[in-house]
Amino acid sequence: MFQDLNKQFNASMGPLKALVEIQTRMLETLTRQQMECAKACVEKTLSQTHELSRCASPEDIVKLQAAFAHELEEALSATNSSNMEALNKAREEMESLTQSAISAFAPNAPKK
């Protein structure tokens, strides 16, 4: 009896385990993307600092700053897009998991 109860408990925990796996993958992806973004920003800042020493006029500095701001904006926008893709993928997987779990307990439940 205990073995049957243990099997039933483990089977019922399957969706929760899957949910934890989805969240873990999502967080790993987001963390990796954020680390890459931070690294790119630091590299751009160091490059900018190095280039500032080569500027001969205030106009050169303004142009350099504008280019730096544009590059930084592109890097942040790309990371934002990647983050949203990872979040949407995780949401879709969670919705699918939830729908299948609901269907298992309530076969007549309306589906999306």
C-alpha atoms as a PDB file:
ATOM      1  CA  MET A   1       0.000   0.000   0.000  1.00  0.00           C
ATOM      2  CA  PHE A   2       2.795   2.410   0.873  1.00  0.00           C
ATOM      3  CA  GLN A   3       4.497   1.701  -2.456  1.00  0.00           C
ATOM      4  CA  ASP A   4       1.281   2.415  -4.356  1.00  0.00           C
ATOM      5  CA  LEU A   5       0.790   5.641  -2.430  1.00  0.00           C
ATOM      6  CA  ASN A   6       4.403   6.629  -3.099  1.00  0.00           C
ATOM      7  CA  LYS A   7       4.016   5.935  -6.860  1.00  0.00           C
ATOM      8  CA  GLN A   8       0.804   7.953  -6.952  1.00  0.00           C
ATOM      9  CA  PHE A   9       2.457  10.834  -5.111  1.00  0.00           C
ATOM     10  CA  ASN A  10       5.451  10.828  -7.488  1.00  0.00           C
ATOM     11  CA  ALA A  11       3.133  10.733 -10.504  1.00  0.00           C
ATOM     12  CA  SER A  12       1.109  13.638  -9.170  1.00  0.00           C
ATOM     13  CA  MET A  13       4.310  15.656  -8.656  1.00  0.00           C
ATOM     14  CA  GLY A  14       5.247  15.280 -12.347  1.00  0.00           C
ATOM     15  CA  PRO A  15       3.686  18.574 -13.483  1.00  0.00           C
ATOM     16  CA  LEU A  16       5.323  20.431 -10.600  1.00  0.00           C
ATOM     17  CA  LYS A  17       8.711  18.970 -11.493  1.00  0.00           C
ATOM     18  CA  ALA A  18       8.176  19.979 -15.128  1.00  0.00           C
ATOM     19  CA  LEU A  19       7.243  23.495 -14.022  1.00  0.00           C
ATOM     20  CA  VAL A  20      10.436  23.762 -11.975  1.00  0.00           C
ATOM     21  CA  GLU A  21      12.459  22.582 -14.997  1.00  0.00           C
ATOM     22  CA  ILE A  22      10.819  25.206 -17.230  1.00  0.00           C
ATOM     23  CA  GLN A  23      11.544  27.939 -14.718  1.00  0.00           C
ATOM     24  CA  THR A  24      15.120  26.748 -14.253  1.00  0.00           C
ATOM     25  CA  ARG A  25      15.795  26.805 -18.015  1.00  0.00           C
ATOM     26  CA  MET A  26      14.219  30.253 -18.280  1.00  0.00           C
ATOM     27  CA  LEU A  27      16.295  31.655 -15.419  1.00  0.00           C
ATOM     28  CA  GLU A  28      19.496  30.120 -16.801  1.00  0.00           C
ATOM     29  CA  THR A  29      18.791  31.688 -20.193  1.00  0.00           C
ATOM     30  CA  LEU A  30      17.968  35.092 -18.708  1.00  0.00           C
ATOM     31  CA  THR A  31      21.054  35.006 -16.486  1.00  0.00           C
ATOM     32  CA  ARG A  32      23.316  34.094 -19.414  1.00  0.00           C
ATOM     33  CA  GLN A  33      21.821  36.863 -21.556  1.00  0.00           C
ATOM     34  CA  GLN A  34      22.187  39.437 -18.794  1.00  0.00           C
ATOM     35  CA  MET A  35      25.806  38.436 -18.198  1.00  0.00           C
ATOM     36  CA  GLU A  36      26.557  38.749 -21.917  1.00  0.00           C
ATOM     37  CA  CYS A  37      24.872  42.159 -21.992  1.00  0.00           C
ATOM     38  CA  ALA A  38      26.808  43.376 -18.956  1.00  0.00           C
ATOM     39  CA  LYS A  39      30.058  42.138 -20.530  1.00  0.00           C
ATOM     40  CA  ALA A  40      29.264  43.916 -23.800  1.00  0.00           C
ATOM     41  CA  CYS A  41      28.457  47.154 -21.948  1.00  0.00           C
ATOM     42  CA  VAL A  42      31.717  47.009 -20.006  1.00  0.00           C
ATOM     43  CA  GLU A  43      33.682  46.314 -23.193  1.00  0.00           C
ATOM     44  CA  LYS A  44      31.973  49.230 -24.960  1.00  0.00           C
ATOM     45  CA  THR A  45      32.730  51.500 -22.011  1.00  0.00           C
ATOM     46  CA  LEU A  46      36.402  50.495 -21.981  1.00  0.00           C
ATOM     47  CA  SER A  47      36.605  51.011 -25.733  1.00  0.00           C
ATOM     48  CA  GLN A  48      34.936  54.401 -25.341  1.00  0.00           C
ATOM     49  CA  THR A  49      37.414  55.414 -22.649  1.00  0.00           C
ATOM     50  CA  HIS A  50      40.316  54.395 -24.865  1.00  0.00           C
ATOM     51  CA  GLU A  51      38.909  56.308 -27.844  1.00  0.00           C
ATOM     52  CA  LEU A  52      38.391  59.471 -25.779  1.00  0.00           C
ATOM     53  CA  SER A  53      42.152  59.910 -25.480  1.00  0.00           C
ATOM     54  CA  ARG A  54      42.337  60.158 -29.296  1.00  0.00           C
ATOM     55  CA  CYS A  55      39.817  62.993 -29.581  1.00  0.00           C
ATOM     56  CA  ALA A  56      41.284  66.266 -30.750  1.00  0.00           C
ATOM     57  CA  SER A  57      38.238  68.512 -30.469  1.00  0.00           C
ATOM     58  CA  PRO A  58      34.936  68.824 -28.600  1.00  0.00           C
ATOM     59  CA  GLU A  59      33.139  67.838 -31.801  1.00  0.00           C
ATOM     60  CA  ASP A  60      35.047  64.546 -31.867  1.00  0.00           C
ATOM     61  CA  ILE A  61      33.975  63.881 -28.289  1.00  0.00           C
ATOM     62  CA  VAL A  62      30.326  64.596 -29.086  1.00  0.00           C
ATOM     63  CA  LYS A  63      30.440  62.272 -32.124  1.00  0.00           C
ATOM     64  CA  LEU A  64      32.125  59.568 -30.084  1.00  0.00           C
ATOM     65  CA  GLN A  65      29.547  59.901 -27.296  1.00  0.00           C
ATOM     66  CA  ALA A  66      26.683  59.722 -29.796  1.00  0.00           C
ATOM     67  CA  ALA A  67      28.134  56.574 -31.360  1.00  0.00           C
ATOM     68  CA  PHE A  68      28.649  55.077 -27.891  1.00  0.00           C
ATOM     69  CA  ALA A  69      25.063  55.811 -26.877  1.00  0.00           C
ATOM     70  CA  HIS A  70      23.786  54.275 -30.118  1.00  0.00           C
ATOM     71  CA  GLU A  71      25.861  51.099 -29.674  1.00  0.00           C
ATOM     72  CA  LEU A  72      24.761  50.794 -26.066  1.00  0.00           C
ATOM     73  CA  GLU A  73      21.125  51.229 -27.041  1.00  0.00           C
ATOM     74  CA  GLU A  74      21.454  48.513 -29.705  1.00  0.00           C
ATOM     75  CA  ALA A  75      23.027  46.106 -27.208  1.00  0.00           C
ATOM     76  CA  LEU A  76      20.304  46.742 -24.634  1.00  0.00           C
ATOM     77  CA  SER A  77      17.538  46.423 -27.223  1.00  0.00           C
ATOM     78  CA  ALA A  78      18.941  43.118 -28.489  1.00  0.00           C
ATOM     79  CA  THR A  79      19.139  41.772 -24.954  1.00  0.00           C
ATOM     80  CA  ASN A  80      15.605  42.958 -24.262  1.00  0.00           C
ATOM     81  CA  SER A  81      14.328  41.107 -27.338  1.00  0.00           C
ATOM     82  CA  SER A  82      16.150  37.938 -26.324  1.00  0.00           C
ATOM     83  CA  ASN A  83      14.806  38.186 -22.791  1.00  0.00           C
ATOM     84  CA  MET A  84      11.249  38.591 -24.045  1.00  0.00           C
ATOM     85  CA  GLU A  85      11.653  35.562 -26.322  1.00  0.00           C
ATOM     86  CA  ALA A  86      12.833  33.457 -23.363  1.00  0.00           C
ATOM     87  CA  LEU A  87       9.980  34.690 -21.176  1.00  0.00           C
ATOM     88  CA  ASN A  88       7.358  34.044 -23.873  1.00  0.00           C
ATOM     89  CA  LYS A  89       8.714  30.564 -24.529  1.00  0.00           C
ATOM     90  CA  ALA A  90       8.546  29.748 -20.802  1.00  0.00           C
ATOM     91  CA  ARG A  91       5.013  31.163 -20.594  1.00  0.00           C
ATOM     92  CA  GLU A  92       3.877  29.029 -23.521  1.00  0.00           C
ATOM     93  CA  GLU A  93       5.410  25.913 -21.987  1.00  0.00           C
ATOM     94  CA  MET A  94       3.770  26.676 -18.630  1.00  0.00           C
ATOM     95  CA  GLU A  95       0.395  27.244 -20.286  1.00  0.00           C
ATOM     96  CA  SER A  96       0.683  23.948 -22.134  1.00  0.00           C
ATOM     97  CA  LEU A  97       1.686  22.131 -18.962  1.00  0.00           C
ATOM     98  CA  THR A  98      -1.156  23.711 -17.013  1.00  0.00           C
ATOM     99  CA  GLN A  99      -3.688  22.886 -19.715  1.00  0.00           C
ATOM    100  CA  SER A 100      -2.598  19.250 -19.849  1.00  0.00           C
ATOM    101  CA  ALA A 101      -2.711  18.988 -16.039  1.00  0.00           C
ATOM    102  CA  ILE A 102      -6.209  20.487 -15.962  1.00  0.00           C
ATOM    103  CA  SER A 103      -7.324  18.154 -18.753  1.00  0.00           C
ATOM    104  CA  ALA A 104      -6.083  15.166 -16.761  1.00  0.00           C
ATOM    105  CA  PHE A 105      -8.231  16.103 -13.774  1.00  0.00           C
ATOM    106  CA  ALA A 106     -11.175  17.611 -15.635  1.00  0.00           C
ATOM    107  CA  PRO A 107     -11.485  16.050 -19.092  1.00  0.00           C
ATOM    108  CA  ASN A 108     -14.480  18.232 -19.958  1.00  0.00           C
ATOM    109  CA  ALA A 109     -12.678  21.510 -19.177  1.00  0.00           C
ATOM    110  CA  PRO A 110     -12.671  24.072 -22.019  1.00  0.00           C
ATOM    111  CA  LYS A 111      -9.387  24.233 -23.978  1.00  0.00           C
ATOM    112  CA  LYS A 112      -7.680  27.298 -25.368  1.00  0.00           C
END
